[in-house]
Amino acid sequence: MSDFRKTLSEMRRPSMLMRAARLGLPDYHRGRWLKRLAPGETSPERILPQLLTAEERLEATRRRGDACYSIAQHIEVLIALLAEASLLRREVV
């Protein structure tokens, strides 16, 4: 858990990207989103590494200026990442 917390706290992304992700949190529907982002997983401990990997790939694509970069997909993964990290924190407390 602390590794995820540290990784998330050290994450540096454009403020507009993070703001969009935070604004999207109320629309996060775990079951529906995770079917696409982490099929078959239900545990935040197992979902977070997958989401972190996906986000790192999207960030690398964004930084390269690659034409296949999807800001919508990046925001979707960030929303799921923030929501799952929050869920994990609540489970630990």
PDB file of N, CA and C in Angstrom:
ATOM      1  N   MET A   1       0.818  -1.191   0.000  1.00  0.00           N
ATOM      2  CA  MET A   1       0.000   0.000   0.000  1.00  0.00           C
ATOM      3  C   MET A   1       0.859   1.250   0.000  1.00  0.00           C
ATOM      4  N   SER A   2       1.886   1.304   0.843  1.00  0.00           N
ATOM      5  CA  SER A   2       2.706   2.508   0.922  1.00  0.00           C
ATOM      6  C   SER A   2       3.463   2.754  -0.381  1.00  0.00           C
ATOM      7  N   ASP A   3       3.800   1.666  -1.117  1.00  0.00           N
ATOM      8  CA  ASP A   3       4.464   1.832  -2.402  1.00  0.00           C
ATOM      9  C   ASP A   3       3.563   2.559  -3.380  1.00  0.00           C
ATOM     10  N   PHE A   4       2.281   2.203  -3.397  1.00  0.00           N
ATOM     11  CA  PHE A   4       1.334   2.870  -4.285  1.00  0.00           C
ATOM     12  C   PHE A   4       1.152   4.322  -3.881  1.00  0.00           C
ATOM     13  N   ARG A   5       1.050   4.535  -2.594  1.00  0.00           N
ATOM     14  CA  ARG A   5       0.876   5.901  -2.085  1.00  0.00           C
ATOM     15  C   ARG A   5       2.078   6.761  -2.481  1.00  0.00           C
ATOM     16  N   LYS A   6       3.278   6.206  -2.334  1.00  0.00           N
ATOM     17  CA  LYS A   6       4.495   6.937  -2.700  1.00  0.00           C
ATOM     18  C   LYS A   6       4.525   7.207  -4.202  1.00  0.00           C
ATOM     19  N   THR A   7       4.219   6.185  -4.990  1.00  0.00           N
ATOM     20  CA  THR A   7       4.213   6.334  -6.453  1.00  0.00           C
ATOM     21  C   THR A   7       3.228   7.410  -6.880  1.00  0.00           C
ATOM     22  N   LEU A   8       2.028   7.378  -6.313  1.00  0.00           N
ATOM     23  CA  LEU A   8       1.014   8.373  -6.667  1.00  0.00           C
ATOM     24  C   LEU A   8       1.412   9.775  -6.222  1.00  0.00           C
ATOM     25  N   SER A   9       2.026   9.890  -5.062  1.00  0.00           N
ATOM     26  CA  SER A   9       2.419  11.210  -4.577  1.00  0.00           C
ATOM     27  C   SER A   9       3.570  11.800  -5.390  1.00  0.00           C
ATOM     28  N   GLU A  10       4.393  10.930  -5.982  1.00  0.00           N
ATOM     29  CA  GLU A  10       5.523  11.403  -6.782  1.00  0.00           C
ATOM     30  C   GLU A  10       5.159  11.620  -8.251  1.00  0.00           C
ATOM     31  N   MET A  11       3.953  11.227  -8.625  1.00  0.00           N
ATOM     32  CA  MET A  11       3.505  11.352 -10.004  1.00  0.00           C
ATOM     33  C   MET A  11       3.387  12.834 -10.383  1.00  0.00           C
ATOM     34  N   ARG A  12       4.020  13.208 -11.489  1.00  0.00           N
ATOM     35  CA  ARG A  12       3.951  14.596 -11.972  1.00  0.00           C
ATOM     36  C   ARG A  12       3.313  14.596 -13.344  1.00  0.00           C
ATOM     37  N   ARG A  13       2.096  15.104 -13.395  1.00  0.00           N
ATOM     38  CA  ARG A  13       1.349  15.181 -14.636  1.00  0.00           C
ATOM     39  C   ARG A  13       0.835  16.606 -14.800  1.00  0.00           C
ATOM     40  N   PRO A  14       0.520  17.010 -16.019  1.00  0.00           N
ATOM     41  CA  PRO A  14      -0.013  18.357 -16.230  1.00  0.00           C
ATOM     42  C   PRO A  14      -1.250  18.590 -15.356  1.00  0.00           C
ATOM     43  N   SER A  15      -1.338  19.781 -14.794  1.00  0.00           N
ATOM     44  CA  SER A  15      -2.435  20.074 -13.870  1.00  0.00           C
ATOM     45  C   SER A  15      -3.797  19.941 -14.541  1.00  0.00           C
ATOM     46  N   MET A  16      -3.898  20.283 -15.808  1.00  0.00           N
ATOM     47  CA  MET A  16      -5.173  20.176 -16.511  1.00  0.00           C
ATOM     48  C   MET A  16      -5.609  18.711 -16.624  1.00  0.00           C
ATOM     49  N   LEU A  17      -4.654  17.826 -16.836  1.00  0.00           N
ATOM     50  CA  LEU A  17      -4.941  16.394 -16.929  1.00  0.00           C
ATOM     51  C   LEU A  17      -5.445  15.867 -15.579  1.00  0.00           C
ATOM     52  N   MET A  18      -4.770  16.233 -14.513  1.00  0.00           N
ATOM     53  CA  MET A  18      -5.169  15.782 -13.180  1.00  0.00           C
ATOM     54  C   MET A  18      -6.495  16.408 -12.755  1.00  0.00           C
ATOM     55  N   ARG A  19      -6.717  17.650 -13.122  1.00  0.00           N
ATOM     56  CA  ARG A  19      -7.983  18.303 -12.788  1.00  0.00           C
ATOM     57  C   ARG A  19      -9.139  17.580 -13.478  1.00  0.00           C
ATOM     58  N   ALA A  20      -8.955  17.240 -14.744  1.00  0.00           N
ATOM     59  CA  ALA A  20      -9.984  16.504 -15.476  1.00  0.00           C
ATOM     60  C   ALA A  20     -10.259  15.155 -14.808  1.00  0.00           C
ATOM     61  N   ALA A  21      -9.215  14.481 -14.354  1.00  0.00           N
ATOM     62  CA  ALA A  21      -9.380  13.188 -13.685  1.00  0.00           C
ATOM     63  C   ALA A  21     -10.149  13.353 -12.375  1.00  0.00           C
ATOM     64  N   ARG A  22      -9.802  14.358 -11.595  1.00  0.00           N
ATOM     65  CA  ARG A  22     -10.519  14.584 -10.329  1.00  0.00           C
ATOM     66  C   ARG A  22     -11.985  14.927 -10.573  1.00  0.00           C
ATOM     67  N   LEU A  23     -12.240  15.714 -11.611  1.00  0.00           N
ATOM     68  CA  LEU A  23     -13.624  16.073 -11.930  1.00  0.00           C
ATOM     69  C   LEU A  23     -14.426  14.864 -12.408  1.00  0.00           C
ATOM     70  N   GLY A  24     -13.757  13.878 -12.961  1.00  0.00           N
ATOM     71  CA  GLY A  24     -14.431  12.680 -13.439  1.00  0.00           C
ATOM     72  C   GLY A  24     -14.689  11.630 -12.378  1.00  0.00           C
ATOM     73  N   LEU A  25     -14.123  11.794 -11.194  1.00  0.00           N
ATOM     74  CA  LEU A  25     -14.286  10.790 -10.138  1.00  0.00           C
ATOM     75  C   LEU A  25     -15.747  10.471  -9.801  1.00  0.00           C
ATOM     76  N   PRO A  26     -16.641  11.466  -9.727  1.00  0.00           N
ATOM     77  CA  PRO A  26     -18.039  11.122  -9.397  1.00  0.00           C
ATOM     78  C   PRO A  26     -18.709  10.226 -10.441  1.00  0.00           C
ATOM     79  N   ASP A  27     -18.203  10.216 -11.665  1.00  0.00           N
ATOM     80  CA  ASP A  27     -18.788   9.391 -12.719  1.00  0.00           C
ATOM     81  C   ASP A  27     -18.155   8.006 -12.819  1.00  0.00           C
ATOM     82  N   TYR A  28     -17.234   7.685 -11.919  1.00  0.00           N
ATOM     83  CA  TYR A  28     -16.551   6.402 -11.955  1.00  0.00           C
ATOM     84  C   TYR A  28     -17.498   5.302 -11.485  1.00  0.00           C
ATOM     85  N   HIS A  29     -17.744   4.334 -12.354  1.00  0.00           N
ATOM     86  CA  HIS A  29     -18.566   3.166 -12.028  1.00  0.00           C
ATOM     87  C   HIS A  29     -17.650   1.957 -12.111  1.00  0.00           C
ATOM     88  N   ARG A  30     -17.217   1.522 -10.953  1.00  0.00           N
ATOM     89  CA  ARG A  30     -16.160   0.526 -10.826  1.00  0.00           C
ATOM     90  C   ARG A  30     -16.367  -0.706 -11.706  1.00  0.00           C
ATOM     91  N   GLY A  31     -17.516  -1.332 -11.600  1.00  0.00           N
ATOM     92  CA  GLY A  31     -17.751  -2.563 -12.351  1.00  0.00           C
ATOM     93  C   GLY A  31     -17.641  -2.379 -13.856  1.00  0.00           C
ATOM     94  N   ARG A  32     -18.242  -1.311 -14.348  1.00  0.00           N
ATOM     95  CA  ARG A  32     -18.235  -1.064 -15.788  1.00  0.00           C
ATOM     96  C   ARG A  32     -16.837  -0.696 -16.286  1.00  0.00           C
ATOM     97  N   TRP A  33     -16.151   0.169 -15.584  1.00  0.00           N
ATOM     98  CA  TRP A  33     -14.837   0.640 -16.028  1.00  0.00           C
ATOM     99  C   TRP A  33     -13.783  -0.454 -15.945  1.00  0.00           C
ATOM    100  N   LEU A  34     -13.844  -1.243 -14.871  1.00  0.00           N
ATOM    101  CA  LEU A  34     -12.807  -2.262 -14.702  1.00  0.00           C
ATOM    102  C   LEU A  34     -12.938  -3.409 -15.691  1.00  0.00           C
ATOM    103  N   LYS A  35     -14.113  -3.595 -16.261  1.00  0.00           N
ATOM    104  CA  LYS A  35     -14.249  -4.602 -17.321  1.00  0.00           C
ATOM    105  C   LYS A  35     -13.324  -4.263 -18.484  1.00  0.00           C
ATOM    106  N   ARG A  36     -13.157  -2.977 -18.737  1.00  0.00           N
ATOM    107  CA  ARG A  36     -12.274  -2.530 -19.820  1.00  0.00           C
ATOM    108  C   ARG A  36     -10.821  -2.410 -19.373  1.00  0.00           C
ATOM    109  N   LEU A  37     -10.616  -1.867 -18.190  1.00  0.00           N
ATOM    110  CA  LEU A  37      -9.258  -1.506 -17.762  1.00  0.00           C
ATOM    111  C   LEU A  37      -8.506  -2.625 -17.059  1.00  0.00           C
ATOM    112  N   ALA A  38      -9.211  -3.469 -16.322  1.00  0.00           N
ATOM    113  CA  ALA A  38      -8.562  -4.569 -15.586  1.00  0.00           C
ATOM    114  C   ALA A  38      -9.526  -5.744 -15.535  1.00  0.00           C
ATOM    115  N   PRO A  39      -9.762  -6.395 -16.669  1.00  0.00           N
ATOM    116  CA  PRO A  39     -10.753  -7.478 -16.725  1.00  0.00           C
ATOM    117  C   PRO A  39     -10.460  -8.596 -15.731  1.00  0.00           C
ATOM    118  N   GLY A  40     -11.510  -9.011 -15.040  1.00  0.00           N
ATOM    119  CA  GLY A  40     -11.395 -10.140 -14.127  1.00  0.00           C
ATOM    120  C   GLY A  40     -10.843  -9.814 -12.753  1.00  0.00           C
ATOM    121  N   GLU A  41     -10.388  -8.611 -12.532  1.00  0.00           N
ATOM    122  CA  GLU A  41      -9.817  -8.244 -11.229  1.00  0.00           C
ATOM    123  C   GLU A  41     -10.868  -7.551 -10.370  1.00  0.00           C
ATOM    124  N   THR A  42     -10.823  -7.784  -9.075  1.00  0.00           N
ATOM    125  CA  THR A  42     -11.732  -7.111  -8.157  1.00  0.00           C
ATOM    126  C   THR A  42     -11.005  -6.468  -6.980  1.00  0.00           C
ATOM    127  N   SER A  43      -9.791  -6.881  -6.735  1.00  0.00           N
ATOM    128  CA  SER A  43      -9.033  -6.382  -5.588  1.00  0.00           C
ATOM    129  C   SER A  43      -8.210  -5.154  -5.976  1.00  0.00           C
ATOM    130  N   PRO A  44      -8.377  -4.043  -5.230  1.00  0.00           N
ATOM    131  CA  PRO A  44      -7.578  -2.851  -5.537  1.00  0.00           C
ATOM    132  C   PRO A  44      -6.068  -3.111  -5.522  1.00  0.00           C
ATOM    133  N   GLU A  45      -5.617  -4.036  -4.667  1.00  0.00           N
ATOM    134  CA  GLU A  45      -4.186  -4.343  -4.603  1.00  0.00           C
ATOM    135  C   GLU A  45      -3.679  -4.924  -5.914  1.00  0.00           C
ATOM    136  N   ARG A  46      -4.538  -5.639  -6.629  1.00  0.00           N
ATOM    137  CA  ARG A  46      -4.132  -6.238  -7.901  1.00  0.00           C
ATOM    138  C   ARG A  46      -4.447  -5.331  -9.087  1.00  0.00           C
ATOM    139  N   ILE A  47      -5.422  -4.460  -8.909  1.00  0.00           N
ATOM    140  CA  ILE A  47      -5.825  -3.544  -9.977  1.00  0.00           C
ATOM    141  C   ILE A  47      -4.837  -2.392 -10.112  1.00  0.00           C
ATOM    142  N   LEU A  48      -4.388  -1.850  -8.996  1.00  0.00           N
ATOM    143  CA  LEU A  48      -3.508  -0.681  -9.037  1.00  0.00           C
ATOM    144  C   LEU A  48      -2.238  -0.884  -9.854  1.00  0.00           C
ATOM    145  N   PRO A  49      -1.522  -2.009  -9.728  1.00  0.00           N
ATOM    146  CA  PRO A  49      -0.327  -2.175 -10.571  1.00  0.00           C
ATOM    147  C   PRO A  49      -0.649  -2.165 -12.066  1.00  0.00           C
ATOM    148  N   GLN A  50      -1.784  -2.756 -12.437  1.00  0.00           N
ATOM    149  CA  GLN A  50      -2.181  -2.752 -13.844  1.00  0.00           C
ATOM    150  C   GLN A  50      -2.486  -1.336 -14.319  1.00  0.00           C
ATOM    151  N   LEU A  51      -3.185  -0.587 -13.486  1.00  0.00           N
ATOM    152  CA  LEU A  51      -3.519   0.790 -13.854  1.00  0.00           C
ATOM    153  C   LEU A  51      -2.269   1.659 -13.918  1.00  0.00           C
ATOM    154  N   LEU A  52      -1.346   1.455 -12.990  1.00  0.00           N
ATOM    155  CA  LEU A  52      -0.097   2.224 -13.014  1.00  0.00           C
ATOM    156  C   LEU A  52       0.699   1.945 -14.281  1.00  0.00           C
ATOM    157  N   THR A  53       0.754   0.689 -14.677  1.00  0.00           N
ATOM    158  CA  THR A  53       1.459   0.316 -15.909  1.00  0.00           C
ATOM    159  C   THR A  53       0.806   0.966 -17.122  1.00  0.00           C
ATOM    160  N   ALA A  54      -0.519   0.891 -17.188  1.00  0.00           N
ATOM    161  CA  ALA A  54      -1.251   1.499 -18.300  1.00  0.00           C
ATOM    162  C   ALA A  54      -1.034   3.009 -18.338  1.00  0.00           C
ATOM    163  N   GLU A  55      -1.057   3.632 -17.167  1.00  0.00           N
ATOM    164  CA  GLU A  55      -0.869   5.085 -17.112  1.00  0.00           C
ATOM    165  C   GLU A  55       0.540   5.468 -17.528  1.00  0.00           C
ATOM    166  N   GLU A  56       1.531   4.706 -17.105  1.00  0.00           N
ATOM    167  CA  GLU A  56       2.914   5.001 -17.487  1.00  0.00           C
ATOM    168  C   GLU A  56       3.095   4.898 -18.997  1.00  0.00           C
ATOM    169  N   ARG A  57       2.455   3.896 -19.620  1.00  0.00           N
ATOM    170  CA  ARG A  57       2.513   3.769 -21.081  1.00  0.00           C
ATOM    171  C   ARG A  57       1.857   4.972 -21.765  1.00  0.00           C
ATOM    172  N   LEU A  58       0.703   5.375 -21.264  1.00  0.00           N
ATOM    173  CA  LEU A  58       0.017   6.537 -21.837  1.00  0.00           C
ATOM    174  C   LEU A  58       0.850   7.812 -21.663  1.00  0.00           C
ATOM    175  N   GLU A  59       1.463   7.961 -20.509  1.00  0.00           N
ATOM    176  CA  GLU A  59       2.296   9.145 -20.261  1.00  0.00           C
ATOM    177  C   GLU A  59       3.495   9.181 -21.202  1.00  0.00           C
ATOM    178  N   ALA A  60       4.116   8.026 -21.415  1.00  0.00           N
ATOM    179  CA  ALA A  60       5.250   7.959 -22.341  1.00  0.00           C
ATOM    180  C   ALA A  60       4.803   8.315 -23.758  1.00  0.00           C
ATOM    181  N   THR A  61       3.640   7.838 -24.147  1.00  0.00           N
ATOM    182  CA  THR A  61       3.094   8.152 -25.473  1.00  0.00           C
ATOM    183  C   THR A  61       2.815   9.647 -25.588  1.00  0.00           C
ATOM    184  N   ARG A  62       2.260  10.217 -24.533  1.00  0.00           N
ATOM    185  CA  ARG A  62       1.973  11.664 -24.520  1.00  0.00           C
ATOM    186  C   ARG A  62       3.256  12.469 -24.659  1.00  0.00           C
ATOM    187  N   ARG A  63       4.265  12.107 -23.906  1.00  0.00           N
ATOM    188  CA  ARG A  63       5.534  12.849 -23.930  1.00  0.00           C
ATOM    189  C   ARG A  63       6.247  12.757 -25.281  1.00  0.00           C
ATOM    190  N   ARG A  64       6.075  11.623 -25.953  1.00  0.00           N
ATOM    191  CA  ARG A  64       6.681  11.473 -27.282  1.00  0.00           C
ATOM    192  C   ARG A  64       5.941  12.287 -28.344  1.00  0.00           C
ATOM    193  N   GLY A  65       4.729  12.694 -28.022  1.00  0.00           N
ATOM    194  CA  GLY A  65       3.930  13.414 -29.002  1.00  0.00           C
ATOM    195  C   GLY A  65       3.383  12.488 -30.076  1.00  0.00           C
ATOM    196  N   ASP A  66       3.240  11.236 -29.720  1.00  0.00           N
ATOM    197  CA  ASP A  66       2.765  10.219 -30.650  1.00  0.00           C
ATOM    198  C   ASP A  66       1.323  10.501 -31.075  1.00  0.00           C
ATOM    199  N   ALA A  67       1.034  10.321 -32.355  1.00  0.00           N
ATOM    200  CA  ALA A  67      -0.301  10.601 -32.898  1.00  0.00           C
ATOM    201  C   ALA A  67      -1.363   9.650 -32.350  1.00  0.00           C
ATOM    202  N   CYS A  68      -0.973   8.502 -31.852  1.00  0.00           N
ATOM    203  CA  CYS A  68      -1.961   7.549 -31.338  1.00  0.00           C
ATOM    204  C   CYS A  68      -2.343   7.832 -29.872  1.00  0.00           C
ATOM    205  N   TYR A  69      -1.778   8.882 -29.279  1.00  0.00           N
ATOM    206  CA  TYR A  69      -2.110   9.234 -27.897  1.00  0.00           C
ATOM    207  C   TYR A  69      -3.574   9.642 -27.789  1.00  0.00           C
ATOM    208  N   SER A  70      -4.257   9.102 -26.780  1.00  0.00           N
ATOM    209  CA  SER A  70      -5.657   9.434 -26.522  1.00  0.00           C
ATOM    210  C   SER A  70      -5.774  10.082 -25.147  1.00  0.00           C
ATOM    211  N   ILE A  71      -6.069  11.369 -25.141  1.00  0.00           N
ATOM    212  CA  ILE A  71      -6.226  12.069 -23.863  1.00  0.00           C
ATOM    213  C   ILE A  71      -7.423  11.512 -23.103  1.00  0.00           C
ATOM    214  N   ALA A  72      -8.479  11.123 -23.819  1.00  0.00           N
ATOM    215  CA  ALA A  72      -9.657  10.552 -23.159  1.00  0.00           C
ATOM    216  C   ALA A  72      -9.300   9.263 -22.428  1.00  0.00           C
ATOM    217  N   GLN A  73      -8.511   8.414 -23.069  1.00  0.00           N
ATOM    218  CA  GLN A  73      -8.101   7.161 -22.435  1.00  0.00           C
ATOM    219  C   GLN A  73      -7.196   7.446 -21.236  1.00  0.00           C
ATOM    220  N   HIS A  74      -6.318   8.432 -21.363  1.00  0.00           N
ATOM    221  CA  HIS A  74      -5.407   8.784 -20.274  1.00  0.00           C
ATOM    222  C   HIS A  74      -6.213   9.254 -19.059  1.00  0.00           C
ATOM    223  N   ILE A  75      -7.191  10.108 -19.305  1.00  0.00           N
ATOM    224  CA  ILE A  75      -8.027  10.609 -18.210  1.00  0.00           C
ATOM    225  C   ILE A  75      -8.815   9.466 -17.579  1.00  0.00           C
ATOM    226  N   GLU A  76      -9.330   8.569 -18.403  1.00  0.00           N
ATOM    227  CA  GLU A  76     -10.079   7.424 -17.889  1.00  0.00           C
ATOM    228  C   GLU A  76      -9.214   6.568 -16.960  1.00  0.00           C
ATOM    229  N   VAL A  77      -7.984   6.316 -17.365  1.00  0.00           N
ATOM    230  CA  VAL A  77      -7.078   5.514 -16.532  1.00  0.00           C
ATOM    231  C   VAL A  77      -6.726   6.273 -15.251  1.00  0.00           C
ATOM    232  N   LEU A  78      -6.511   7.574 -15.351  1.00  0.00           N
ATOM    233  CA  LEU A  78      -6.208   8.365 -14.149  1.00  0.00           C
ATOM    234  C   LEU A  78      -7.389   8.375 -13.176  1.00  0.00           C
ATOM    235  N   ILE A  79      -8.598   8.488 -13.702  1.00  0.00           N
ATOM    236  CA  ILE A  79      -9.785   8.452 -12.838  1.00  0.00           C
ATOM    237  C   ILE A  79      -9.833   7.121 -12.091  1.00  0.00           C
ATOM    238  N   ALA A  80      -9.662   6.024 -12.811  1.00  0.00           N
ATOM    239  CA  ALA A  80      -9.690   4.698 -12.190  1.00  0.00           C
ATOM    240  C   ALA A  80      -8.563   4.559 -11.165  1.00  0.00           C
ATOM    241  N   LEU A  81      -7.402   5.071 -11.491  1.00  0.00           N
ATOM    242  CA  LEU A  81      -6.255   5.004 -10.591  1.00  0.00           C
ATOM    243  C   LEU A  81      -6.548   5.754  -9.289  1.00  0.00           C
ATOM    244  N   LEU A  82      -7.060   6.961  -9.400  1.00  0.00           N
ATOM    245  CA  LEU A  82      -7.396   7.747  -8.208  1.00  0.00           C
ATOM    246  C   LEU A  82      -8.495   7.079  -7.387  1.00  0.00           C
ATOM    247  N   ALA A  83      -9.512   6.564  -8.062  1.00  0.00           N
ATOM    248  CA  ALA A  83     -10.629   5.927  -7.357  1.00  0.00           C
ATOM    249  C   ALA A  83     -10.191   4.648  -6.648  1.00  0.00           C
ATOM    250  N   GLU A  84      -9.403   3.827  -7.322  1.00  0.00           N
ATOM    251  CA  GLU A  84      -8.953   2.573  -6.713  1.00  0.00           C
ATOM    252  C   GLU A  84      -7.990   2.829  -5.556  1.00  0.00           C
ATOM    253  N   ALA A  85      -7.150   3.826  -5.694  1.00  0.00           N
ATOM    254  CA  ALA A  85      -6.234   4.176  -4.591  1.00  0.00           C
ATOM    255  C   ALA A  85      -7.039   4.655  -3.382  1.00  0.00           C
ATOM    256  N   SER A  86      -8.078   5.417  -3.632  1.00  0.00           N
ATOM    257  CA  SER A  86      -8.942   5.881  -2.561  1.00  0.00           C
ATOM    258  C   SER A  86      -9.650   4.708  -1.896  1.00  0.00           C
ATOM    259  N   LEU A  87     -10.131   3.776  -2.692  1.00  0.00           N
ATOM    260  CA  LEU A  87     -10.794   2.590  -2.168  1.00  0.00           C
ATOM    261  C   LEU A  87      -9.838   1.769  -1.316  1.00  0.00           C
ATOM    262  N   LEU A  88      -8.633   1.619  -1.768  1.00  0.00           N
ATOM    263  CA  LEU A  88      -7.631   0.867  -1.013  1.00  0.00           C
ATOM    264  C   LEU A  88      -7.323   1.556   0.320  1.00  0.00           C
ATOM    265  N   ARG A  89      -7.214   2.864   0.292  1.00  0.00           N
ATOM    266  CA  ARG A  89      -6.974   3.605   1.555  1.00  0.00           C
ATOM    267  C   ARG A  89      -8.112   3.382   2.551  1.00  0.00           C
ATOM    268  N   ARG A  90      -9.359   3.376   2.051  1.00  0.00           N
ATOM    269  CA  ARG A  90     -10.512   3.169   2.949  1.00  0.00           C
ATOM    270  C   ARG A  90     -10.508   1.754   3.517  1.00  0.00           C
ATOM    271  N   GLU A  91     -10.067   0.773   2.731  1.00  0.00           N
ATOM    272  CA  GLU A  91     -10.020  -0.607   3.205  1.00  0.00           C
ATOM    273  C   GLU A  91      -8.971  -0.788   4.287  1.00  0.00           C
ATOM    274  N   VAL A  92      -7.884  -0.050   4.186  1.00  0.00           N
ATOM    275  CA  VAL A  92      -6.780  -0.177   5.143  1.00  0.00           C
ATOM    276  C   VAL A  92      -7.153   0.454   6.475  1.00  0.00           C
ATOM    277  N   VAL A  93      -7.898   1.546   6.442  1.00  0.00           N
ATOM    278  CA  VAL A  93      -8.270   2.267   7.673  1.00  0.00           C
ATOM    279  C   VAL A  93      -9.270   1.545   8.460  1.00  0.00           C
TER     280      VAL A  93
END
